């Protein structure tokens, strides 16, 4: 999953804010990375770790709501469908046959 937001800065630069779950953590089951930058400036990031998907989903909603209130607009989003456990087991059974 990746969500990228943007807004024009007061100095004319464009501010970018991205949220993604592509970077795993060794210390938590689920991870969320938040990255931001202004124009071509240096990107900064913060990584959050979660034990459940519900906790991660709650944080995504919290961040998204806050950034929309701050004036950001959605630039890009992509969410990869995760297969269900049943589908994964079925696929594994087919592979063994």
Protein backbone atom coordinates (compact mmCIF):
# COMPACT_ATOMS: atom_id res chain seq x y z
CA UNK A 1 0.00 0.00 0.00
CA UNK A 2 1.20 3.48 -0.78
CA UNK A 3 -0.57 6.81 -0.38
CA UNK A 4 1.07 10.03 -1.58
CA UNK A 5 -0.30 13.44 -0.71
CA UNK A 6 0.88 16.89 -1.75
CA UNK A 7 0.27 20.59 -1.17
CA UNK A 8 1.86 23.79 -2.43
CA UNK A 9 4.13 25.39 0.13
CA UNK A 10 4.13 29.09 1.02
CA UNK A 11 7.51 29.46 -0.73
CA UNK A 12 6.22 27.94 -3.99
CA UNK A 13 7.70 24.48 -3.44
CA UNK A 14 5.51 21.40 -3.41
CA UNK A 15 5.34 19.45 -0.16
CA UNK A 16 5.01 15.67 -0.46
CA UNK A 17 3.83 13.25 2.22
CA UNK A 18 3.85 9.48 1.63
CA UNK A 19 2.53 6.60 3.71
CA UNK A 20 3.54 3.04 2.80
CA UNK A 21 3.85 -0.46 4.22
CA UNK A 22 6.62 -1.74 1.95
CA UNK A 23 9.41 -1.73 4.56
CA UNK A 24 9.17 -4.61 7.07
CA UNK A 25 10.44 -4.44 10.64
CA UNK A 26 12.19 -7.18 12.58
CA UNK A 27 10.62 -6.06 15.86
CA UNK A 28 6.95 -5.84 14.82
CA UNK A 29 4.60 -7.91 12.73
CA UNK A 30 3.37 -4.92 10.69
CA UNK A 31 5.16 -1.71 9.78
CA UNK A 32 4.17 1.65 8.40
CA UNK A 33 6.60 4.22 7.00
CA UNK A 34 5.72 7.89 6.76
CA UNK A 35 8.01 10.03 4.58
CA UNK A 36 7.88 13.73 3.80
CA UNK A 37 9.84 16.36 1.91
CA UNK A 38 9.51 19.84 0.46
CA UNK A 39 10.34 20.25 -3.23
CA UNK A 40 13.64 18.61 -4.08
CA UNK A 41 14.78 18.75 -0.46
CA UNK A 42 15.99 15.88 1.68
CA UNK A 43 13.36 13.30 2.54
CA UNK A 44 12.72 12.52 6.17
CA UNK A 45 10.84 9.52 7.46
CA UNK A 46 9.38 7.87 10.52
CA UNK A 47 8.66 4.17 10.92
CA UNK A 48 5.88 2.81 13.12
CA UNK A 49 5.54 -0.82 14.23
CA UNK A 50 2.27 -2.60 15.05
CA UNK A 51 1.24 -6.00 16.32
CA UNK A 52 -2.14 -6.05 14.54
CA UNK A 53 -3.52 -4.87 11.21
CA UNK A 54 -6.27 -3.04 13.10
CA UNK A 55 -3.68 -0.91 14.90
CA UNK A 56 -1.93 -0.11 11.63
CA UNK A 57 -5.22 0.72 9.91
CA UNK A 58 -6.14 3.06 12.74
CA UNK A 59 -2.80 4.90 12.40
CA UNK A 60 -3.22 5.22 8.61
CA UNK A 61 -6.67 6.75 9.09
CA UNK A 62 -5.38 9.10 11.79
CA UNK A 63 -2.48 10.35 9.63
CA UNK A 64 -4.61 10.66 6.49
CA UNK A 65 -7.33 12.64 8.30
CA UNK A 66 -4.76 14.98 9.87
CA UNK A 67 -2.98 15.67 6.57
CA UNK A 68 -6.23 16.34 4.69
CA UNK A 69 -7.15 18.86 7.42
CA UNK A 70 -3.69 20.41 6.95
CA UNK A 71 -4.53 21.10 3.29
CA UNK A 72 -2.90 18.14 1.55
CA UNK A 73 -4.53 16.58 -1.53
CA UNK A 74 -4.31 12.96 -2.67
CA UNK A 75 -1.79 12.59 -5.49
CA UNK A 76 -1.50 8.80 -5.79
CA UNK A 77 -2.64 5.65 -4.02
CA UNK A 78 -2.16 1.96 -4.59
CA UNK A 79 -3.39 -0.89 -2.43
CA UNK A 80 -2.33 -4.43 -3.20
CA UNK A 81 -4.97 -7.02 -2.43
CA UNK A 82 -3.72 -9.51 0.10
CA UNK A 83 -4.90 -13.06 -0.51
CA UNK A 84 -6.98 -14.64 2.21
CA UNK A 85 -5.59 -17.53 4.25
CA UNK A 86 -8.03 -19.92 2.59
CA UNK A 87 -6.87 -18.87 -0.88
CA UNK A 88 -3.22 -19.25 0.14
CA UNK A 89 -3.82 -22.76 1.53
CA UNK A 90 -5.73 -23.73 -1.60
CA UNK A 91 -2.92 -22.46 -3.83
CA UNK A 92 -0.34 -24.34 -1.76
CA UNK A 93 -2.37 -27.55 -2.08
CA UNK A 94 -2.53 -27.12 -5.87
CA UNK A 95 1.23 -26.55 -6.02
CA UNK A 96 1.89 -29.80 -4.15
CA UNK A 97 -0.35 -31.81 -6.50
